[in-house]
Structures are given as C-alpha cells and as structure tokens.
C-alpha cells in the first residue's frame, strides 16, 4: 500500500491517462484527400517522454483549431 511495485504505478498512470484522453475533444480527418493532387500537411511532434508534446498539441489545437487537429495511430 505504501510502497507499490513499479508495475502497479505504471498501470494506475496508464488508466489515469486513458480516462483523461477520453474527455478531450479530438478531430478525426478523412484519410483520403479531396483530390489526387492534394496532400495533407502534417506536423509530427517527437521528443522524450514527459517533455510536453501532448500539452503543445492541445495548445496548438486550442489556439489554432482551424489549422491543427489531433490524430492518432
């Protein structure tokens, strides 16, 4: 109870993250562009765990929602 194993902490953290993500608005785009000559612009955020990628993505969507949306694999 006072010193749980790392696996238990990781599981609790994962559950918290999943529940939090379910409450966030997300935009899903069609995977097919309108015409064959049109390409979607994509911004990929990479970096080590805990550096703020998710916070940046949400902030971009909040401040510039007409240009950015969140997609997942």
PDB file of N, CA and C in Angstrom:
ATOM      1  N   UNK A   1       0.823  -1.185   0.000  1.00  0.00           N
ATOM      2  CA  UNK A   1       0.000   0.000   0.000  1.00  0.00           C
ATOM      3  C   UNK A   1       0.878   1.263   0.000  1.00  0.00           C
ATOM      4  N   UNK A   2       1.938   1.286   0.801  1.00  0.00           N
ATOM      5  CA  UNK A   2       2.763   2.482   0.892  1.00  0.00           C
ATOM      6  C   UNK A   2       3.977   2.442  -0.023  1.00  0.00           C
ATOM      7  N   UNK A   3       4.288   1.272  -0.549  1.00  0.00           N
ATOM      8  CA  UNK A   3       5.423   1.144  -1.458  1.00  0.00           C
ATOM      9  C   UNK A   3       5.067   0.156  -2.570  1.00  0.00           C
ATOM     10  N   UNK A   4       4.123   0.559  -3.465  1.00  0.00           N
ATOM     11  CA  UNK A   4       3.687  -0.377  -4.507  1.00  0.00           C
ATOM     12  C   UNK A   4       4.783  -0.597  -5.541  1.00  0.00           C
ATOM     13  N   UNK A   5       4.771  -1.763  -6.203  1.00  0.00           N
ATOM     14  CA  UNK A   5       5.754  -2.030  -7.253  1.00  0.00           C
ATOM     15  C   UNK A   5       5.555  -1.085  -8.442  1.00  0.00           C
ATOM     16  N   UNK A   6       6.598  -0.920  -9.235  1.00  0.00           N
ATOM     17  CA  UNK A   6       6.548  -0.026 -10.391  1.00  0.00           C
ATOM     18  C   UNK A   6       5.465  -0.430 -11.388  1.00  0.00           C
ATOM     19  N   UNK A   7       5.174  -1.717 -11.525  1.00  0.00           N
ATOM     20  CA  UNK A   7       4.142  -2.178 -12.448  1.00  0.00           C
ATOM     21  C   UNK A   7       2.773  -1.637 -12.041  1.00  0.00           C
ATOM     22  N   UNK A   8       2.520  -1.598 -10.737  1.00  0.00           N
ATOM     23  CA  UNK A   8       1.235  -1.089 -10.244  1.00  0.00           C
ATOM     24  C   UNK A   8       1.142   0.412 -10.501  1.00  0.00           C
ATOM     25  N   UNK A   9       2.214   1.127 -10.241  1.00  0.00           N
ATOM     26  CA  UNK A   9       2.223   2.572 -10.507  1.00  0.00           C
ATOM     27  C   UNK A   9       2.030   2.863 -11.996  1.00  0.00           C
ATOM     28  N   UNK A  10       2.672   2.075 -12.848  1.00  0.00           N
ATOM     29  CA  UNK A  10       2.533   2.258 -14.293  1.00  0.00           C
ATOM     30  C   UNK A  10       1.097   1.982 -14.730  1.00  0.00           C
ATOM     31  N   UNK A  11       0.471   0.956 -14.177  1.00  0.00           N
ATOM     32  CA  UNK A  11      -0.910   0.627 -14.534  1.00  0.00           C
ATOM     33  C   UNK A  11      -1.862   1.740 -14.102  1.00  0.00           C
ATOM     34  N   UNK A  12      -1.664   2.268 -12.915  1.00  0.00           N
ATOM     35  CA  UNK A  12      -2.511   3.362 -12.428  1.00  0.00           C
ATOM     36  C   UNK A  12      -2.319   4.601 -13.296  1.00  0.00           C
ATOM     37  N   UNK A  13      -1.071   4.895 -13.650  1.00  0.00           N
ATOM     38  CA  UNK A  13      -0.787   6.040 -14.508  1.00  0.00           C
ATOM     39  C   UNK A  13      -1.442   5.864 -15.876  1.00  0.00           C
ATOM     40  N   UNK A  14      -1.377   4.664 -16.424  1.00  0.00           N
ATOM     41  CA  UNK A  14      -1.980   4.390 -17.727  1.00  0.00           C
ATOM     42  C   UNK A  14      -3.497   4.570 -17.667  1.00  0.00           C
ATOM     43  N   UNK A  15      -4.126   4.053 -16.647  1.00  0.00           N
ATOM     44  CA  UNK A  15      -5.581   4.188 -16.502  1.00  0.00           C
ATOM     45  C   UNK A  15      -5.962   5.663 -16.409  1.00  0.00           C
ATOM     46  N   UNK A  16      -5.215   6.418 -15.617  1.00  0.00           N
ATOM     47  CA  UNK A  16      -5.485   7.850 -15.476  1.00  0.00           C
ATOM     48  C   UNK A  16      -5.364   8.553 -16.817  1.00  0.00           C
ATOM     49  N   UNK A  17      -4.320   8.225 -17.581  1.00  0.00           N
ATOM     50  CA  UNK A  17      -4.100   8.838 -18.886  1.00  0.00           C
ATOM     51  C   UNK A  17      -5.229   8.500 -19.857  1.00  0.00           C
ATOM     52  N   UNK A  18      -5.655   7.259 -19.891  1.00  0.00           N
ATOM     53  CA  UNK A  18      -6.719   6.831 -20.810  1.00  0.00           C
ATOM     54  C   UNK A  18      -8.028   7.545 -20.467  1.00  0.00           C
ATOM     55  N   UNK A  19      -8.367   7.607 -19.191  1.00  0.00           N
ATOM     56  CA  UNK A  19      -9.608   8.271 -18.784  1.00  0.00           C
ATOM     57  C   UNK A  19      -9.550   9.762 -19.125  1.00  0.00           C
ATOM     58  N   UNK A  20      -8.400  10.393 -18.907  1.00  0.00           N
ATOM     59  CA  UNK A  20      -8.240  11.807 -19.248  1.00  0.00           C
ATOM     60  C   UNK A  20      -8.393  12.029 -20.752  1.00  0.00           C
ATOM     61  N   UNK A  21      -7.794  11.170 -21.564  1.00  0.00           N
ATOM     62  CA  UNK A  21      -7.859  11.302 -23.021  1.00  0.00           C
ATOM     63  C   UNK A  21      -9.284  11.161 -23.543  1.00  0.00           C
ATOM     64  N   UNK A  22     -10.093  10.321 -22.897  1.00  0.00           N
ATOM     65  CA  UNK A  22     -11.466  10.122 -23.357  1.00  0.00           C
ATOM     66  C   UNK A  22     -12.280  11.402 -23.221  1.00  0.00           C
ATOM     67  N   UNK A  23     -11.915  12.265 -22.293  1.00  0.00           N
ATOM     68  CA  UNK A  23     -12.647  13.502 -22.088  1.00  0.00           C
ATOM     69  C   UNK A  23     -12.198  14.643 -22.960  1.00  0.00           C
ATOM     70  N   UNK A  24     -11.121  14.481 -23.704  1.00  0.00           N
ATOM     71  CA  UNK A  24     -10.582  15.551 -24.542  1.00  0.00           C
ATOM     72  C   UNK A  24     -11.224  15.516 -25.926  1.00  0.00           C
ATOM     73  N   UNK A  25     -11.577  16.696 -26.457  1.00  0.00           N
ATOM     74  CA  UNK A  25     -12.126  16.708 -27.817  1.00  0.00           C
ATOM     75  C   UNK A  25     -11.040  16.381 -28.832  1.00  0.00           C
ATOM     76  N   UNK A  26     -11.398  15.598 -29.816  1.00  0.00           N
ATOM     77  CA  UNK A  26     -10.448  15.237 -30.856  1.00  0.00           C
ATOM     78  C   UNK A  26     -11.121  15.364 -32.213  1.00  0.00           C
ATOM     79  N   UNK A  27     -10.333  15.731 -33.194  1.00  0.00           N
ATOM     80  CA  UNK A  27     -10.824  15.888 -34.553  1.00  0.00           C
ATOM     81  C   UNK A  27     -10.264  14.737 -35.385  1.00  0.00           C
ATOM     82  N   UNK A  28     -11.128  14.046 -36.063  1.00  0.00           N
ATOM     83  CA  UNK A  28     -10.693  12.966 -36.941  1.00  0.00           C
ATOM     84  C   UNK A  28     -10.896  13.415 -38.381  1.00  0.00           C
ATOM     85  N   UNK A  29      -9.851  13.320 -39.167  1.00  0.00           N
ATOM     86  CA  UNK A  29      -9.910  13.704 -40.565  1.00  0.00           C
ATOM     87  C   UNK A  29     -10.027  12.466 -41.434  1.00  0.00           C
ATOM     88  N   UNK A  30     -10.681  12.636 -42.584  1.00  0.00           N
ATOM     89  CA  UNK A  30     -10.738  11.543 -43.539  1.00  0.00           C
ATOM     90  C   UNK A  30      -9.325  11.260 -44.045  1.00  0.00           C
ATOM     91  N   UNK A  31      -9.016  10.022 -44.264  1.00  0.00           N
ATOM     92  CA  UNK A  31      -7.670   9.680 -44.703  1.00  0.00           C
ATOM     93  C   UNK A  31      -7.471   9.895 -46.202  1.00  0.00           C
ATOM     94  N   UNK A  32      -8.539  10.122 -46.939  1.00  0.00           N
ATOM     95  CA  UNK A  32      -8.428  10.325 -48.379  1.00  0.00           C
ATOM     96  C   UNK A  32      -8.510  11.813 -48.694  1.00  0.00           C
ATOM     97  N   UNK A  33      -7.502  12.370 -49.345  1.00  0.00           N
ATOM     98  CA  UNK A  33      -7.545  13.784 -49.717  1.00  0.00           C
ATOM     99  C   UNK A  33      -8.662  14.049 -50.730  1.00  0.00           C
ATOM    100  N   UNK A  34      -9.141  15.303 -50.825  1.00  0.00           N
ATOM    101  CA  UNK A  34     -10.236  15.620 -51.757  1.00  0.00           C
ATOM    102  C   UNK A  34      -9.898  15.334 -53.223  1.00  0.00           C
ATOM    103  N   UNK A  35      -8.635  15.582 -53.611  1.00  0.00           N
ATOM    104  CA  UNK A  35      -8.217  15.293 -54.983  1.00  0.00           C
ATOM    105  C   UNK A  35      -6.874  14.575 -54.935  1.00  0.00           C
ATOM    106  N   UNK A  36      -6.511  13.953 -56.039  1.00  0.00           N
ATOM    107  CA  UNK A  36      -5.257  13.196 -56.072  1.00  0.00           C
ATOM    108  C   UNK A  36      -4.038  14.099 -55.916  1.00  0.00           C
ATOM    109  N   UNK A  37      -4.135  15.372 -56.330  1.00  0.00           N
ATOM    110  CA  UNK A  37      -3.001  16.281 -56.250  1.00  0.00           C
ATOM    111  C   UNK A  37      -2.878  16.991 -54.917  1.00  0.00           C
ATOM    112  N   UNK A  38      -3.838  16.783 -54.008  1.00  0.00           N
ATOM    113  CA  UNK A  38      -3.843  17.483 -52.728  1.00  0.00           C
ATOM    114  C   UNK A  38      -3.171  16.621 -51.661  1.00  0.00           C
ATOM    115  N   UNK A  39      -2.262  17.201 -50.933  1.00  0.00           N
ATOM    116  CA  UNK A  39      -1.601  16.482 -49.843  1.00  0.00           C
ATOM    117  C   UNK A  39      -1.886  17.176 -48.523  1.00  0.00           C
ATOM    118  N   UNK A  40      -2.209  16.392 -47.515  1.00  0.00           N
ATOM    119  CA  UNK A  40      -2.399  16.966 -46.186  1.00  0.00           C
ATOM    120  C   UNK A  40      -1.046  17.352 -45.606  1.00  0.00           C
ATOM    121  N   UNK A  41      -1.003  18.506 -44.979  1.00  0.00           N
ATOM    122  CA  UNK A  41       0.192  18.887 -44.245  1.00  0.00           C
ATOM    123  C   UNK A  41       0.150  18.187 -42.898  1.00  0.00           C
ATOM    124  N   UNK A  42       1.284  17.731 -42.423  1.00  0.00           N
ATOM    125  CA  UNK A  42       1.326  17.008 -41.175  1.00  0.00           C
ATOM    126  C   UNK A  42       2.462  17.545 -40.319  1.00  0.00           C
ATOM    127  N   UNK A  43       2.173  17.746 -39.051  1.00  0.00           N
ATOM    128  CA  UNK A  43       3.177  18.151 -38.085  1.00  0.00           C
ATOM    129  C   UNK A  43       3.319  17.008 -37.100  1.00  0.00           C
ATOM    130  N   UNK A  44       4.513  16.469 -36.983  1.00  0.00           N
ATOM    131  CA  UNK A  44       4.767  15.356 -36.069  1.00  0.00           C
ATOM    132  C   UNK A  44       5.607  15.879 -34.920  1.00  0.00           C
ATOM    133  N   UNK A  45       5.100  15.720 -33.706  1.00  0.00           N
ATOM    134  CA  UNK A  45       5.835  16.147 -32.520  1.00  0.00           C
ATOM    135  C   UNK A  45       6.552  14.939 -31.940  1.00  0.00           C
ATOM    136  N   UNK A  46       7.853  15.044 -31.810  1.00  0.00           N
ATOM    137  CA  UNK A  46       8.634  13.955 -31.225  1.00  0.00           C
ATOM    138  C   UNK A  46       9.482  14.498 -30.103  1.00  0.00           C
ATOM    139  N   UNK A  47       9.830  13.633 -29.192  1.00  0.00           N
ATOM    140  CA  UNK A  47      10.679  14.016 -28.077  1.00  0.00           C
ATOM    141  C   UNK A  47      10.578  12.981 -26.990  1.00  0.00           C
ATOM    142  N   UNK A  48      11.398  13.123 -25.967  1.00  0.00           N
ATOM    143  CA  UNK A  48      11.375  12.151 -24.877  1.00  0.00           C
ATOM    144  C   UNK A  48      10.077  12.242 -24.079  1.00  0.00           C
ATOM    145  N   UNK A  49       9.777  11.183 -23.377  1.00  0.00           N
ATOM    146  CA  UNK A  49       8.578  11.121 -22.558  1.00  0.00           C
ATOM    147  C   UNK A  49       8.600  12.230 -21.508  1.00  0.00           C
ATOM    148  N   UNK A  50       7.470  12.886 -21.362  1.00  0.00           N
ATOM    149  CA  UNK A  50       7.340  13.906 -20.335  1.00  0.00           C
ATOM    150  C   UNK A  50       7.866  15.279 -20.710  1.00  0.00           C
ATOM    151  N   UNK A  51       8.187  15.520 -21.987  1.00  0.00           N
ATOM    152  CA  UNK A  51       8.749  16.823 -22.373  1.00  0.00           C
ATOM    153  C   UNK A  51       7.681  17.837 -22.764  1.00  0.00           C
ATOM    154  N   UNK A  52       6.400  17.439 -22.823  1.00  0.00           N
ATOM    155  CA  UNK A  52       5.333  18.390 -23.101  1.00  0.00           C
ATOM    156  C   UNK A  52       4.740  18.322 -24.488  1.00  0.00           C
ATOM    157  N   UNK A  53       4.945  17.218 -25.201  1.00  0.00           N
ATOM    158  CA  UNK A  53       4.410  17.092 -26.568  1.00  0.00           C
ATOM    159  C   UNK A  53       2.882  17.178 -26.560  1.00  0.00           C
ATOM    160  N   UNK A  54       2.258  16.464 -25.662  1.00  0.00           N
ATOM    161  CA  UNK A  54       0.796  16.433 -25.612  1.00  0.00           C
ATOM    162  C   UNK A  54       0.238  17.808 -25.236  1.00  0.00           C
ATOM    163  N   UNK A  55       0.867  18.460 -24.294  1.00  0.00           N
ATOM    164  CA  UNK A  55       0.424  19.803 -23.900  1.00  0.00           C
ATOM    165  C   UNK A  55       0.543  20.773 -25.083  1.00  0.00           C
ATOM    166  N   UNK A  56       1.643  20.685 -25.826  1.00  0.00           N
ATOM    167  CA  UNK A  56       1.832  21.528 -27.003  1.00  0.00           C
ATOM    168  C   UNK A  56       0.770  21.240 -28.058  1.00  0.00           C
ATOM    169  N   UNK A  57       0.485  19.970 -28.302  1.00  0.00           N
ATOM    170  CA  UNK A  57      -0.525  19.604 -29.296  1.00  0.00           C
ATOM    171  C   UNK A  57      -1.893  20.156 -28.920  1.00  0.00           C
ATOM    172  N   UNK A  58      -2.264  20.013 -27.657  1.00  0.00           N
ATOM    173  CA  UNK A  58      -3.558  20.531 -27.212  1.00  0.00           C
ATOM    174  C   UNK A  58      -3.597  22.055 -27.291  1.00  0.00           C
ATOM    175  N   UNK A  59      -2.496  22.684 -26.984  1.00  0.00           N
ATOM    176  CA  UNK A  59      -2.427  24.143 -27.047  1.00  0.00           C
ATOM    177  C   UNK A  59      -2.545  24.636 -28.493  1.00  0.00           C
ATOM    178  N   UNK A  60      -1.874  23.949 -29.419  1.00  0.00           N
ATOM    179  CA  UNK A  60      -1.992  24.313 -30.831  1.00  0.00           C
ATOM    180  C   UNK A  60      -3.425  24.170 -31.321  1.00  0.00           C
ATOM    181  N   UNK A  61      -4.078  23.083 -30.930  1.00  0.00           N
ATOM    182  CA  UNK A  61      -5.470  22.862 -31.342  1.00  0.00           C
ATOM    183  C   UNK A  61      -6.402  23.893 -30.715  1.00  0.00           C
ATOM    184  N   UNK A  62      -6.102  24.283 -29.491  1.00  0.00           N
ATOM    185  CA  UNK A  62      -6.932  25.260 -28.795  1.00  0.00           C
ATOM    186  C   UNK A  62      -6.771  26.649 -29.420  1.00  0.00           C
ATOM    187  N   UNK A  63      -5.541  27.055 -29.648  1.00  0.00           N
ATOM    188  CA  UNK A  63      -5.278  28.402 -30.141  1.00  0.00           C
ATOM    189  C   UNK A  63      -5.434  28.531 -31.657  1.00  0.00           C
ATOM    190  N   UNK A  64      -5.148  27.457 -32.396  1.00  0.00           N
ATOM    191  CA  UNK A  64      -5.189  27.491 -33.857  1.00  0.00           C
ATOM    192  C   UNK A  64      -5.989  26.318 -34.389  1.00  0.00           C
ATOM    193  N   UNK A  65      -7.199  26.131 -33.869  1.00  0.00           N
ATOM    194  CA  UNK A  65      -8.037  24.982 -34.226  1.00  0.00           C
ATOM    195  C   UNK A  65      -8.390  24.897 -35.687  1.00  0.00           C
ATOM    196  N   UNK A  66      -8.368  26.036 -36.394  1.00  0.00           N
ATOM    197  CA  UNK A  66      -8.699  25.991 -37.818  1.00  0.00           C
ATOM    198  C   UNK A  66      -7.549  25.425 -38.648  1.00  0.00           C
ATOM    199  N   UNK A  67      -6.351  25.364 -38.073  1.00  0.00           N
ATOM    200  CA  UNK A  67      -5.188  24.852 -38.791  1.00  0.00           C
ATOM    201  C   UNK A  67      -4.691  23.508 -38.271  1.00  0.00           C
ATOM    202  N   UNK A  68      -4.974  23.195 -37.005  1.00  0.00           N
ATOM    203  CA  UNK A  68      -4.430  21.975 -36.401  1.00  0.00           C
ATOM    204  C   UNK A  68      -5.545  21.102 -35.849  1.00  0.00           C
ATOM    205  N   UNK A  69      -5.316  19.815 -35.913  1.00  0.00           N
ATOM    206  CA  UNK A  69      -6.181  18.819 -35.308  1.00  0.00           C
ATOM    207  C   UNK A  69      -5.330  17.696 -34.796  1.00  0.00           C
ATOM    208  N   UNK A  70      -5.878  16.903 -33.881  1.00  0.00           N
ATOM    209  CA  UNK A  70      -5.113  15.802 -33.295  1.00  0.00           C
ATOM    210  C   UNK A  70      -5.548  14.501 -33.940  1.00  0.00           C
ATOM    211  N   UNK A  71      -4.602  13.741 -34.401  1.00  0.00           N
ATOM    212  CA  UNK A  71      -4.858  12.408 -34.940  1.00  0.00           C
ATOM    213  C   UNK A  71      -4.001  11.410 -34.194  1.00  0.00           C
ATOM    214  N   UNK A  72      -4.394  10.186 -34.200  1.00  0.00           N
ATOM    215  CA  UNK A  72      -3.587   9.163 -33.536  1.00  0.00           C
ATOM    216  C   UNK A  72      -3.489   7.936 -34.422  1.00  0.00           C
ATOM    217  N   UNK A  73      -2.497   7.150 -34.172  1.00  0.00           N
ATOM    218  CA  UNK A  73      -2.259   5.942 -34.954  1.00  0.00           C
ATOM    219  C   UNK A  73      -2.956   4.785 -34.308  1.00  0.00           C
TER     220      UNK A  73
END
